[in-house]
Structure formats: structure tokens, C-alpha cells
Amino acid sequence: MKTHLMFPDRDFDASAELPDHAEDLVQDLGLETLFGVMAAGDPDLKGVAKAALLAGLRTVEEVRYRQEILQDCLRHPEVIREMYRLGLQAQADEKKLLFGSLGGISRYPSYLLHHAVQLMEILLVPLKGLKTLADVQEGKFQSAGLRGFFQMLERELDPDYFACVQETLKILTFRQGLLLTAELDSGNKGRNYRLCLSNARKVGWFRQWFPKRPRQWSFYIDPRDESGAKALSELRDRGLNGVADALMQSTDHIKNFMQALRTELAFYLGCLNLHARLGELQAPVAFPVPLPAARPILNVTGAYDVCLALALGRRLVGNDLRAGEKQLVVITGANQGGKTAFLRALGLAQLMMQCGLFVAAEAFQANLCSGLFSHFKREEDSSMKNGKFAEELERMSAIVNQLSRASLVLFNESFAATNEREGSEIARQIVAALLEKGIRIAFVTHLYAFAHGLYERLGPAGVFLRALPPADGPATFRLEPGAPMATNSGEDLFQQIFADEGGIGAGVAP
């Protein structure tokens, strides 16, 4: 039995190694907040959410496969939660059984068989629960993944299956005794030990008290004969070895199925948790339109930083972007104007789309990228071996070594740790090289010389957005198309810190 709720043709491996730059994405995009909301306190859900978002999918078909399943989950959340509960029940009951074994499972076949019988009886309970759900809910789902899953349950878990398993488990308790056959080898040693199905029938009380004389030769072990009892036990284990091994393989198969079901449902349960929380904030979500990596395109309506919205607990202002097939997006403007938040919104939407999730936007259309990378400025700390600028170049070198065509790189205030002339020249050369190789770029910068130079050379070939400083009242956090602004961070900070009435710089012209 296979779940196939994450991929149409294989299982999802939540323990697979993540990309080398995964932790940079977690830090730069604030993903811990997203993981926390999806997990809702469950560490298993958090691990699956992290693995799914950071690994991503590579084909449009895989993205749409998950999107359709998630849409079914949003229509019937109670079914998904009940299925996950059944998976947790199987896991909890198995742990109780292991705890009752006082430290582990014995290697003796007789004990292995006894343990496998108990475990199979435990696993039958959630399997019956899944079969009941399949009988009731199958026709309500539209996605190929969930319809295939329920059809598999109907096919594999029919009434004959449960009847056969229960009858087999009853036989394997050997309440009527154990029937073994063997052959004699050289030296009268036994070989080819086999467990046989006993044809003994249940007899009444009269026969039990007054049995007939047995028709076969028999012998009895004295209760005080320890050596004889040990020899008999060894014979018993030889006969049970094959049966115990077969039953353990069967229980392992069902255990693996239940584990895969818990893991794959954990992703969709995390999506339900996130959708519910965003619904409480009245924040818009939409299912994106994925396009092949070979067809670069990016069109966004009302995108916002979902992690910031979750952290602040309120709906944020969204922004639009019509990049089309253009590879370069440059964002300039005033501090605290929403530039970095929009850059994160683009990265988060790309990640969420490529794992089959809805996005934090009113609409989102983009091509799948072969890799998403972030190069954000870092605060200087004692762990740095070099200065901030050298550290920036080192991280950039590591990113370049991983890039491939159709990758997406997010730059936030990169190369600003040196003077503007040097930083602008380095940024210009790096951007030119990446564009030549077919890499899509989104760049937030205060390097006016760099941004203005790109605007003059590329013009309509790029998209240039700017955050306007507030005239009167609070900032709108709206980005609008336009030529790069000459506003720099130093002037903004001076105005915020020193130019207020009564401050050190009060009355000083900027």
C-alpha cells in the first residue's frame, strides 16, 4: 500500500538532505514564523513543513498535483484531521506495546511472533478507521491524489482482508497447541522444520474429561526437566521462525504505510493551520499559476510578507508587480517604505508555490525556478572571521557555485558595506553576469549610482519600483514604478534620529 499524497509516483522523504543554502533562506525570509504557525506546537508538523518548503518541486505537474489535494483538504478539513488522528493513534499504541516489552523485543521467534500478533491487532484498528472513511468520503473528493488513495483503501482493505487477518491471528495464538513436522537428517538430527495447520476440532466437556487414547506416539517432559524444556523450546522456535519472520514483515509494511500517511498528512495539516490563521487576520491567499522553468514570467497582485503579517498579527498592505518576462526587478526608495517586506513577499510566494501551497497574495503567476537564493545584509558579529564586506563576497561566491539557469536570487542591501562607488561597481558586474546566464534577480538597494546606471542601460528591459517617503501621515508601504530615487539610508536616519523637534540636530538643515 502506498499513500502518494505528496507525489503521484513516490513517497515523500521528510528526512532528505536540504539544499546548502536552506538556512540562509530560513534566516533571510523569516521562515521560522511560518513553520511555527503551520506546526501549531507539533514538532512533527514543523519538520515536515520545513522539508517541504525548502526542498520544493521541479515540475508544473507535481505542483498542480499537490494544489488539487490541498484544495480538497480545504473543502473537507475534518476528514484530513481524522485521518491524521488515526495515524497518531497507531503510533501511540505501538509505543505502549514497546514500553510493555520492558526494554526491547526478544530475538527468539516465539516472542517475535507473539509481539507481531499483538502489533497487528493494534494496527487493524486505524486501518478499519481508514476503511470506514473511504466508504463514506470517497465520492466527495475531486483530486487525483485523494481519489486514488481512497480507491486503494477500497481495493486493498476489503472485508475479506480483515476476516482473513483476524482468522490468521487467532490461529497464531495456538490455543489448540502447536503442530510441527520435520525430517531426520544424518545422525538423527532434525531438518526442514515446518509449522502445520492443525486440524484439531473443538470438543465438548465430555471428551475433555474422558479423552480417547491418542492414535500417535507421544511423550511428556517432566516439569523439573529444565534441559528437556529448553530442547523443546528450541524445536518450537525452529518451527516458528519462518512464520514469525513473515508476520513481522507484514506488520512492518503496515507500520511504514501509517508512518508515510502521518508524514504526508502533516504537510496538509500544516497548510490547514496556516490557512485558518490567515483567515483570522482576513489576509488574502490565492493558489498560484505555475509555469515551466523554461518560460520565465512573473506577475503579482497584492503580495505581502506572510511571515511579517503572522508576527504582527494583522493584515499588511500588498503590492503589485508586472515583470512579465523581464529578468530584473530593482527596488529603491525611502527607509521603512516596504522594500524589504516586498522582496521577502516575492521569495516566500515562490517557495510556497513550489511546494504546492497557496501564496500570500491576491494573484501570483510565475515560472518554477531551479533554485531560490538570498543574499541579505548581515549585522556584524564576533563570529565573523573577516569584515562585513569580505563576508558578503564570500557568501556571494558560495551562491554562484550553486546557481543554474532559471534560478532566482534575492538581494537586499548587498555590497553596501563599502563605499558607494566600489559597491555599485561590484553589484553592476555581478548583476550583468547573472543576467547573461539567464538568472532572475530582485534587488533592493540604496546604491543610487548602481540603480540609476541599470535604469539608464536597461530601461524597459527591467522593472524599477520605488518606495516613496511619506508626505503627511504614516507611510503607505506602497511601491510604484519609477526611476530610482536618490534617497539614501544615511539621510533618512538623520531625519528620523536628529531632525525631530528638541533633538540634537533640531534646526539643522539636512
Protein backbone atom coordinates (compact mmCIF):
# COMPACT_ATOMS: atom_id res chain seq x y z
CA MET A 1 0.00 0.00 0.00
CA LYS A 2 1.25 3.46 -0.95
CA THR A 3 -0.12 6.82 0.10
CA HIS A 4 1.10 9.01 -2.82
CA LEU A 5 -0.34 12.19 -1.31
CA MET A 6 2.77 14.32 -1.97
CA PHE A 7 3.97 12.84 -5.25
CA PRO A 8 1.98 10.87 -7.82
CA ASP A 9 4.62 8.17 -8.12
CA ARG A 10 6.72 8.07 -4.93
CA ASP A 11 6.75 8.67 -1.19
CA PHE A 12 7.82 11.92 0.44
CA ASP A 13 11.05 11.77 2.44
CA ALA A 14 10.98 14.39 5.19
CA SER A 15 14.48 13.40 6.30
CA ALA A 16 16.12 14.11 2.92
CA GLU A 17 19.09 16.45 2.96
CA LEU A 18 18.14 20.10 2.40
CA PRO A 19 19.98 22.43 -0.01
CA ASP A 20 23.19 24.02 1.27
CA HIS A 21 21.62 27.48 1.29
CA ALA A 22 18.49 26.40 3.17
CA GLU A 23 19.45 28.03 6.47
CA ASP A 24 20.16 31.33 4.72
CA LEU A 25 16.62 31.28 3.35
CA VAL A 26 15.22 30.49 6.79
CA GLN A 27 17.06 33.47 8.29
CA ASP A 28 16.57 35.97 5.48
CA LEU A 29 12.88 35.26 4.82
CA GLY A 30 11.89 34.78 8.48
CA LEU A 31 10.63 31.26 7.83
CA GLU A 32 10.67 30.18 11.48
CA THR A 33 7.50 32.21 11.99
CA LEU A 34 5.81 30.40 9.10
CA PHE A 35 6.94 26.99 10.34
CA GLY A 36 5.67 27.78 13.84
CA VAL A 37 2.17 28.68 12.65
CA MET A 38 1.96 25.61 10.42
CA ALA A 39 3.14 23.35 13.24
CA ALA A 40 0.78 24.72 15.91
CA GLY A 41 3.04 23.25 18.58
CA ASP A 42 3.57 19.86 16.89
CA PRO A 43 7.30 19.27 16.16
CA ASP A 44 6.47 16.63 13.55
CA LEU A 45 4.43 19.14 11.57
CA LYS A 46 7.24 21.68 11.78
CA GLY A 47 9.82 19.24 10.45
CA VAL A 48 7.63 18.26 7.51
CA ALA A 49 6.77 21.89 6.72
CA LYS A 50 10.45 22.83 6.66
CA ALA A 51 11.38 19.87 4.46
CA ALA A 52 8.54 20.53 2.00
CA LEU A 53 9.10 24.27 1.62
CA LEU A 54 12.87 24.19 1.34
CA ALA A 55 13.08 21.17 -0.98
CA GLY A 56 10.43 22.32 -3.42
CA LEU A 57 9.14 20.74 -6.61
CA ARG A 58 10.60 20.90 -10.09
CA THR A 59 7.68 20.27 -12.46
CA VAL A 60 4.36 22.01 -13.03
CA GLU A 61 2.58 18.65 -12.90
CA GLU A 62 3.85 17.94 -9.37
CA VAL A 63 2.83 21.41 -8.17
CA ARG A 64 -0.68 21.06 -9.57
CA TYR A 65 -0.96 17.57 -8.11
CA ARG A 66 -0.40 18.94 -4.59
CA GLN A 67 -2.52 22.03 -5.22
CA GLU A 68 -5.53 19.88 -6.12
CA ILE A 69 -5.08 17.74 -3.00
CA LEU A 70 -4.74 20.84 -0.81
CA GLN A 71 -7.91 22.31 -2.31
CA ASP A 72 -9.70 19.08 -1.39
CA CYS A 73 -8.26 19.34 2.13
CA LEU A 74 -9.57 22.90 2.48
CA ARG A 75 -13.03 21.71 1.44
CA HIS A 76 -13.01 18.77 3.90
CA PRO A 77 -10.60 19.62 6.74
CA GLU A 78 -12.38 17.37 9.23
CA VAL A 79 -11.59 14.26 7.14
CA ILE A 80 -7.89 15.14 6.94
CA ARG A 81 -7.68 15.76 10.68
CA GLU A 82 -9.42 12.45 11.41
CA MET A 83 -7.04 10.56 9.12
CA TYR A 84 -4.07 12.17 10.86
CA ARG A 85 -5.57 11.29 14.25
CA LEU A 86 -5.81 7.64 13.21
CA GLY A 87 -2.14 7.73 12.23
CA LEU A 88 -1.20 9.20 15.61
CA GLN A 89 -3.30 6.56 17.37
CA ALA A 90 -1.37 3.78 15.66
CA GLN A 91 1.92 5.40 16.67
CA ALA A 92 0.84 5.89 20.30
CA ASP A 93 -0.47 2.32 20.68
CA GLU A 94 2.71 0.91 19.20
CA LYS A 95 4.79 2.88 21.72
CA LYS A 96 2.66 1.49 24.56
CA LEU A 97 3.29 -2.02 23.31
CA LEU A 98 7.05 -1.42 23.13
CA PHE A 99 7.02 0.10 26.60
CA GLY A 100 5.25 -3.00 27.88
CA SER A 101 8.02 -5.19 26.45
CA LEU A 102 10.36 -3.82 29.15
CA GLY A 103 13.21 -2.52 27.05
CA GLY A 104 13.00 -4.20 23.69
CA ILE A 105 11.92 -7.14 21.59
CA SER A 106 13.48 -10.53 22.18
CA ARG A 107 15.28 -12.24 19.32
CA TYR A 108 13.51 -15.56 19.93
CA PRO A 109 10.97 -16.49 17.23
CA SER A 110 8.27 -17.39 19.74
CA TYR A 111 8.49 -13.93 21.31
CA LEU A 112 8.74 -12.21 17.91
CA LEU A 113 5.60 -13.99 16.80
CA HIS A 114 3.74 -13.05 19.96
CA HIS A 115 4.81 -9.41 19.57
CA ALA A 116 3.86 -9.35 15.86
CA VAL A 117 0.39 -10.74 16.64
CA GLN A 118 -0.18 -8.02 19.25
CA LEU A 119 1.12 -5.31 16.93
CA MET A 120 -1.05 -6.48 14.05
CA GLU A 121 -4.12 -6.38 16.30
CA ILE A 122 -3.21 -2.79 17.21
CA LEU A 123 -2.70 -1.73 13.59
CA LEU A 124 -6.01 -3.22 12.48
CA VAL A 125 -7.89 -0.57 14.47
CA PRO A 126 -6.71 2.51 12.49
CA LEU A 127 -6.85 0.51 9.26
CA LYS A 128 -10.53 -0.18 9.90
CA GLY A 129 -11.00 3.52 10.67
CA LEU A 130 -9.41 4.46 7.33
CA LYS A 131 -11.60 1.93 5.53
CA THR A 132 -14.71 3.42 7.13
CA LEU A 133 -13.65 6.89 5.98
CA ALA A 134 -13.04 5.53 2.49
CA ASP A 135 -16.54 4.03 2.37
CA VAL A 136 -18.17 7.30 3.47
CA GLN A 137 -15.98 10.02 1.96
CA GLU A 138 -14.56 8.71 -1.32
CA GLY A 139 -17.08 10.38 -3.64
CA LYS A 140 -16.60 13.80 -2.04
CA PHE A 141 -13.04 14.34 -3.27
CA GLN A 142 -12.01 15.65 -6.67
CA SER A 143 -8.20 15.49 -6.68
CA ALA A 144 -6.45 12.59 -8.35
CA GLY A 145 -4.30 12.04 -5.26
CA LEU A 146 -7.08 11.63 -2.70
CA ARG A 147 -9.36 9.74 -5.07
CA GLY A 148 -6.52 7.34 -5.79
CA PHE A 149 -5.79 6.99 -2.08
CA PHE A 150 -9.36 6.09 -1.17
CA GLN A 151 -9.66 3.73 -4.13
CA MET A 152 -6.51 1.98 -2.96
CA LEU A 153 -8.06 1.54 0.50
CA GLU A 154 -11.23 0.12 -1.04
CA ARG A 155 -9.21 -2.28 -3.14
CA GLU A 156 -6.68 -3.41 -0.53
CA LEU A 157 -8.80 -3.35 2.62
CA ASP A 158 -11.93 -5.21 1.61
CA PRO A 159 -13.96 -7.23 4.17
CA ASP A 160 -12.23 -10.46 3.11
CA TYR A 161 -8.86 -8.97 4.05
CA PHE A 162 -9.91 -8.15 7.61
CA ALA A 163 -11.62 -11.52 8.04
CA CYS A 164 -8.54 -13.36 6.79
CA VAL A 165 -6.17 -11.38 9.03
CA GLN A 166 -8.29 -11.87 12.13
CA GLU A 167 -8.65 -15.60 11.49
CA THR A 168 -4.89 -15.93 10.92
CA LEU A 169 -4.10 -14.06 14.13
CA LYS A 170 -6.48 -16.33 16.01
CA ILE A 171 -4.71 -19.41 14.65
CA LEU A 172 -1.29 -17.98 15.55
CA THR A 173 -2.22 -17.87 19.24
CA PHE A 174 -2.02 -21.72 19.10
CA ARG A 175 -4.70 -22.27 21.72
CA GLN A 176 -5.09 -25.82 20.39
CA GLY A 177 -1.37 -26.45 20.56
CA LEU A 178 1.43 -26.31 18.03
CA LEU A 179 1.80 -28.81 15.17
CA LEU A 180 5.26 -29.13 13.64
CA THR A 181 6.73 -31.53 11.10
CA ALA A 182 10.39 -32.30 10.50
CA GLU A 183 12.66 -34.72 8.68
CA LEU A 184 15.56 -36.72 10.03
CA ASP A 185 19.00 -35.90 8.79
CA SER A 186 22.28 -37.73 9.33
CA GLY A 187 22.91 -38.52 12.95
CA ASN A 188 19.13 -38.30 13.57
CA LYS A 189 19.31 -34.52 13.54
CA GLY A 190 16.17 -32.68 12.55
CA ARG A 191 15.82 -30.62 9.41
CA ASN A 192 13.10 -28.86 7.36
CA TYR A 193 11.06 -27.85 10.39
CA ARG A 194 7.64 -26.66 9.27
CA LEU A 195 4.64 -25.26 11.06
CA CYS A 196 1.45 -27.03 10.02
CA LEU A 197 -2.16 -26.03 10.35
CA SER A 198 -3.76 -28.23 12.96
CA ASN A 199 -6.97 -30.00 12.03
CA ALA A 200 -7.95 -30.41 15.67
CA ARG A 201 -11.58 -29.59 16.27
CA LYS A 202 -13.13 -28.15 19.36
CA VAL A 203 -14.58 -30.91 21.56
CA GLY A 204 -17.18 -30.85 24.29
CA TRP A 205 -16.67 -31.17 28.03
CA PHE A 206 -17.26 -34.95 27.99
CA ARG A 207 -14.38 -35.56 25.57
CA GLN A 208 -12.18 -33.18 27.53
CA TRP A 209 -12.71 -35.17 30.75
CA PHE A 210 -12.72 -38.61 29.08
CA PRO A 211 -10.44 -38.32 26.03
CA LYS A 212 -9.81 -41.21 23.70
CA ARG A 213 -6.46 -42.89 23.73
CA PRO A 214 -4.17 -40.94 21.32
CA ARG A 215 -3.52 -42.62 17.98
CA GLN A 216 0.05 -41.28 17.70
CA TRP A 217 3.15 -41.82 19.74
CA SER A 218 3.69 -39.07 22.31
CA PHE A 219 5.92 -38.19 25.22
CA TYR A 220 5.85 -35.73 28.12
CA ILE A 221 8.52 -33.51 29.65
CA ASP A 222 8.82 -33.65 33.38
CA PRO A 223 8.15 -30.19 34.91
CA ARG A 224 11.56 -30.35 36.63
CA ASP A 225 13.45 -31.30 33.45
CA GLU A 226 15.00 -27.95 32.51
CA SER A 227 17.18 -29.37 29.74
CA GLY A 228 14.23 -31.10 28.14
CA ALA A 229 12.13 -27.94 28.34
CA LYS A 230 14.95 -25.96 26.72
CA ALA A 231 15.30 -28.51 23.92
CA LEU A 232 11.55 -28.44 23.32
CA SER A 233 11.59 -24.64 23.23
CA GLU A 234 14.34 -24.71 20.63
CA LEU A 235 12.30 -27.07 18.48
CA ARG A 236 9.32 -24.77 18.82
CA ASP A 237 11.38 -21.73 17.78
CA ARG A 238 12.72 -23.55 14.72
CA GLY A 239 9.19 -24.22 13.55
CA LEU A 240 8.01 -20.69 14.28
CA ASN A 241 10.95 -18.88 12.73
CA GLY A 242 9.53 -18.60 9.20
CA VAL A 243 6.04 -17.62 10.39
CA ALA A 244 7.40 -15.01 12.80
CA ASP A 245 9.56 -13.51 10.08
CA ALA A 246 6.64 -13.35 7.61
CA LEU A 247 4.30 -11.74 10.14
CA MET A 248 6.95 -9.20 11.20
CA GLN A 249 7.39 -8.22 7.54
CA SER A 250 3.63 -7.74 7.25
CA THR A 251 3.49 -5.55 10.34
CA ASP A 252 6.49 -3.55 9.10
CA HIS A 253 4.69 -2.94 5.82
CA ILE A 254 1.62 -1.57 7.61
CA LYS A 255 3.77 0.44 10.05
CA ASN A 256 5.61 2.04 7.14
CA PHE A 257 2.31 2.82 5.46
CA MET A 258 0.97 4.51 8.60
CA GLN A 259 4.25 6.42 9.04
CA ALA A 260 4.12 7.66 5.44
CA LEU A 261 0.48 8.63 5.91
CA ARG A 262 1.28 10.64 9.06
CA THR A 263 4.20 12.38 7.35
CA GLU A 264 2.35 13.33 4.19
CA LEU A 265 -0.82 14.37 6.00
CA ALA A 266 1.34 16.51 8.32
CA PHE A 267 2.10 18.80 5.38
CA TYR A 268 -1.58 19.31 4.56
CA LEU A 269 -2.48 19.70 8.22
CA GLY A 270 0.15 22.44 8.46
CA CYS A 271 -1.39 24.10 5.42
CA LEU A 272 -4.81 23.98 7.10
CA ASN A 273 -3.36 25.59 10.23
CA LEU A 274 -1.76 28.37 8.17
CA HIS A 275 -4.93 28.95 6.16
CA ALA A 276 -7.01 29.20 9.31
CA ARG A 277 -4.63 31.73 10.89
CA LEU A 278 -4.52 33.92 7.78
CA GLY A 279 -8.30 33.72 7.66
CA GLU A 280 -8.44 35.12 11.20
CA LEU A 281 -6.28 38.03 10.03
CA GLN A 282 -8.50 38.46 6.94
CA ALA A 283 -5.33 38.29 4.86
CA PRO A 284 -5.85 37.23 1.23
CA VAL A 285 -4.47 33.97 -0.16
CA ALA A 286 -4.55 32.55 -3.66
CA PHE A 287 -3.49 29.44 -5.50
CA PRO A 288 -0.70 30.48 -7.88
CA VAL A 289 -0.38 29.66 -11.56
CA PRO A 290 2.90 27.75 -12.04
CA LEU A 291 4.68 27.80 -15.37
CA PRO A 292 7.65 25.74 -16.62
CA ALA A 293 11.13 26.97 -15.77
CA ALA A 294 11.88 27.41 -19.48
CA ARG A 295 9.20 30.11 -19.70
CA PRO A 296 10.29 32.94 -17.39
CA ILE A 297 7.41 35.11 -16.20
CA LEU A 298 6.43 36.94 -13.01
CA ASN A 299 3.13 38.73 -12.38
CA VAL A 300 1.94 39.51 -8.86
CA THR A 301 -1.13 41.19 -7.39
CA GLY A 302 -1.39 42.19 -3.74
CA ALA A 303 1.64 40.24 -2.49
CA TYR A 304 2.61 40.74 1.16
CA ASP A 305 5.17 39.35 3.61
CA VAL A 306 3.24 36.50 5.19
CA CYS A 307 5.80 35.97 7.97
CA LEU A 308 5.62 39.64 8.97
CA ALA A 309 1.82 39.51 8.94
CA LEU A 310 1.86 36.45 11.20
CA ALA A 311 4.40 38.01 13.54
CA LEU A 312 2.48 41.29 13.84
CA GLY A 313 -0.91 39.60 13.94
CA ARG A 314 -2.53 41.89 11.38
CA ARG A 315 -3.18 42.23 7.67
CA LEU A 316 -0.50 44.05 5.67
CA VAL A 317 -0.58 46.25 2.59
CA GLY A 318 0.03 44.26 -0.58
CA ASN A 319 1.90 45.36 -3.70
CA ASP A 320 1.69 44.55 -7.38
CA LEU A 321 4.39 43.64 -9.89
CA ARG A 322 4.07 43.12 -13.62
CA ALA A 323 7.51 41.87 -14.59
CA GLY A 324 6.34 39.57 -17.36
CA GLU A 325 9.40 38.00 -18.98
CA LYS A 326 11.82 40.61 -17.60
CA GLN A 327 14.63 39.13 -15.57
CA LEU A 328 15.50 42.10 -13.35
CA VAL A 329 13.50 43.85 -10.62
CA VAL A 330 15.16 46.76 -8.80
CA ILE A 331 13.54 48.39 -5.76
CA THR A 332 14.77 51.68 -4.32
CA GLY A 333 13.37 54.42 -2.13
CA ALA A 334 12.91 55.60 1.41
CA ASN A 335 13.64 53.57 4.51
CA GLN A 336 10.69 51.85 6.18
CA GLY A 337 8.80 52.08 2.90
CA GLY A 338 8.15 48.36 2.47
CA LYS A 339 11.02 47.46 0.10
CA THR A 340 12.45 44.55 2.08
CA ALA A 341 8.98 43.31 3.01
CA PHE A 342 8.04 43.12 -0.67
CA LEU A 343 11.31 41.38 -1.52
CA ARG A 344 10.55 38.79 1.14
CA ALA A 345 7.00 38.52 -0.17
CA LEU A 346 8.34 37.56 -3.61
CA GLY A 347 10.67 34.95 -2.15
CA LEU A 348 8.03 33.49 0.15
CA ALA A 349 5.48 33.29 -2.65
CA GLN A 350 7.99 31.46 -4.86
CA LEU A 351 8.77 28.96 -2.08
CA MET A 352 5.11 28.43 -1.23
CA MET A 353 4.17 27.93 -4.87
CA GLN A 354 6.94 25.41 -5.48
CA CYS A 355 5.83 23.18 -2.62
CA GLY A 356 2.20 23.17 -3.78
CA LEU A 357 0.98 25.65 -1.17
CA PHE A 358 -1.25 28.71 -1.67
CA VAL A 359 0.55 32.07 -1.64
CA ALA A 360 0.13 35.28 0.37
CA ALA A 361 -1.22 37.38 -2.47
CA GLU A 362 -4.39 38.12 -4.38
CA ALA A 363 -2.88 36.54 -7.51
CA PHE A 364 0.50 35.08 -8.42
CA GLN A 365 1.85 33.78 -11.71
CA ALA A 366 5.46 32.71 -12.05
CA ASN A 367 7.75 30.14 -13.59
CA LEU A 368 9.30 27.46 -11.43
CA CYS A 369 12.89 28.27 -10.58
CA SER A 370 15.70 25.75 -10.40
CA GLY A 371 16.81 27.26 -7.10
CA LEU A 372 15.92 30.20 -4.85
CA PHE A 373 18.82 32.04 -3.20
CA SER A 374 19.02 35.05 -0.88
CA HIS A 375 21.87 37.49 -0.27
CA PHE A 376 20.78 39.79 2.55
CA LYS A 377 22.97 42.13 4.53
CA ARG A 378 24.19 40.73 7.83
CA GLU A 379 24.84 42.52 11.06
CA GLU A 380 28.49 42.30 12.10
CA ASP A 381 29.16 39.91 14.98
CA SER A 382 32.06 38.33 16.78
CA SER A 383 31.78 35.07 14.85
CA MET A 384 32.78 36.68 11.57
CA LYS A 385 36.32 35.78 10.51
CA ASN A 386 36.53 38.76 8.15
CA GLY A 387 34.89 42.17 7.82
CA LYS A 388 31.31 42.62 6.62
CA PHE A 389 32.29 43.33 3.02
CA ALA A 390 34.58 40.30 2.76
CA GLU A 391 31.84 38.18 4.33
CA GLU A 392 29.34 39.45 1.72
CA LEU A 393 31.68 38.48 -1.12
CA GLU A 394 32.29 35.06 0.43
CA ARG A 395 28.55 34.36 0.62
CA MET A 396 28.10 35.60 -2.94
CA SER A 397 30.80 33.22 -4.13
CA ALA A 398 29.04 30.30 -2.42
CA ILE A 399 25.76 31.23 -4.13
CA VAL A 400 27.38 31.49 -7.58
CA ASN A 401 28.75 27.96 -7.22
CA GLN A 402 25.19 26.63 -6.80
CA LEU A 403 23.39 28.66 -9.47
CA SER A 404 21.91 27.20 -12.62
CA ARG A 405 19.81 28.65 -15.38
CA ALA A 406 16.32 29.74 -14.23
CA SER A 407 17.46 30.35 -10.65
CA LEU A 408 16.11 33.30 -8.66
CA VAL A 409 18.39 35.44 -6.47
CA LEU A 410 17.09 37.96 -3.93
CA PHE A 411 19.49 40.76 -2.99
CA ASN A 412 18.78 43.02 -0.02
CA GLU A 413 21.17 45.94 0.57
CA SER A 414 24.02 43.83 -0.79
CA PHE A 415 27.54 45.24 -1.17
CA ALA A 416 26.68 48.33 0.88
CA ALA A 417 29.39 47.57 3.45
CA THR A 418 31.93 49.51 1.36
CA ASN A 419 31.78 52.96 -0.25
CA GLU A 420 29.08 53.61 -2.83
CA ARG A 421 31.39 53.74 -5.83
CA GLU A 422 33.05 50.40 -5.13
CA GLY A 423 29.81 48.74 -4.02
CA SER A 424 27.96 49.95 -7.12
CA GLU A 425 30.64 48.66 -9.47
CA ILE A 426 30.75 45.22 -7.86
CA ALA A 427 26.94 44.98 -7.85
CA ARG A 428 26.82 46.05 -11.52
CA GLN A 429 29.29 43.40 -12.63
CA ILE A 430 27.60 40.62 -10.66
CA VAL A 431 24.13 41.53 -11.94
CA ALA A 432 25.36 41.73 -15.55
CA ALA A 433 26.96 38.28 -15.30
CA LEU A 434 23.86 36.71 -13.74
CA LEU A 435 21.50 38.22 -16.33
CA GLU A 436 23.71 36.89 -19.11
CA LYS A 437 23.33 33.37 -17.67
CA GLY A 438 19.54 33.57 -17.50
CA ILE A 439 19.24 34.16 -13.74
CA ARG A 440 16.25 36.17 -12.49
CA ILE A 441 17.14 38.90 -9.99
CA ALA A 442 15.21 41.00 -7.47
CA PHE A 443 17.43 43.68 -5.91
CA VAL A 444 16.66 46.10 -3.07
CA THR A 445 19.36 48.74 -2.86
CA HIS A 446 20.34 52.20 -1.61
CA LEU A 447 23.26 52.35 -4.06
CA TYR A 448 21.91 55.10 -6.28
CA ALA A 449 24.80 55.00 -8.77
CA PHE A 450 24.23 51.29 -9.28
CA ALA A 451 20.44 51.52 -9.59
CA HIS A 452 20.47 54.60 -11.82
CA GLY A 453 23.11 53.05 -14.07
CA LEU A 454 20.93 49.96 -14.58
CA TYR A 455 17.92 52.17 -15.29
CA GLU A 456 19.79 54.09 -17.98
CA ARG A 457 21.21 50.97 -19.65
CA LEU A 458 18.26 48.58 -19.38
CA GLY A 459 15.28 50.91 -19.27
CA PRO A 460 12.23 48.90 -20.39
CA ALA A 461 14.22 45.65 -20.14
CA GLY A 462 13.96 45.80 -16.34
CA VAL A 463 11.34 46.63 -13.74
CA PHE A 464 12.11 49.53 -11.39
CA LEU A 465 9.99 50.14 -8.31
CA ARG A 466 10.40 52.73 -5.58
CA ALA A 467 9.05 53.35 -2.13
CA LEU A 468 8.03 56.96 -1.69
CA PRO A 469 8.70 58.79 1.58
CA PRO A 470 5.53 59.78 3.45
CA ALA A 471 4.43 63.35 2.83
CA ASP A 472 1.99 63.79 5.67
CA GLY A 473 0.87 60.98 7.94
CA PRO A 474 2.08 57.39 8.12
CA ALA A 475 3.85 55.57 5.31
CA THR A 476 1.60 53.76 2.82
CA PHE A 477 4.10 50.94 2.13
CA ARG A 478 3.01 51.09 -1.49
CA LEU A 479 5.61 50.61 -4.22
CA GLU A 480 5.17 52.33 -7.56
CA PRO A 481 7.01 52.08 -10.86
CA GLY A 482 9.55 54.81 -11.43
CA ALA A 483 13.17 55.77 -11.83
CA PRO A 484 15.48 55.01 -8.88
CA MET A 485 15.40 57.60 -6.13
CA ALA A 486 18.50 59.34 -4.82
CA THR A 487 17.34 58.96 -1.22
CA ASN A 488 19.93 57.13 0.85
CA SER A 489 19.75 55.47 4.23
CA GLY A 490 22.04 57.98 5.94
CA GLU A 491 19.80 60.93 5.16
CA ASP A 492 16.68 59.05 6.24
CA LEU A 493 18.25 58.01 9.52
CA PHE A 494 19.44 61.57 10.15
CA GLN A 495 15.90 62.85 9.70
CA GLN A 496 14.45 60.15 11.99
CA ILE A 497 17.01 60.49 14.79
CA PHE A 498 18.32 64.07 14.83
CA ALA A 499 15.93 66.36 13.00
CA ASP A 500 12.94 65.90 15.32
CA GLU A 501 11.93 68.89 17.38
CA GLY A 502 14.05 69.07 20.52
CA GLY A 503 16.66 66.58 19.18
CA ILE A 504 20.38 67.13 18.92
CA GLY A 505 20.08 68.16 15.32
CA ALA A 506 16.92 70.26 15.71
CA GLY A 507 17.01 73.19 13.37
CA VAL A 508 19.90 71.81 11.34
CA ALA A 509 19.20 71.61 7.63
CA PRO A 510 19.61 68.11 6.20
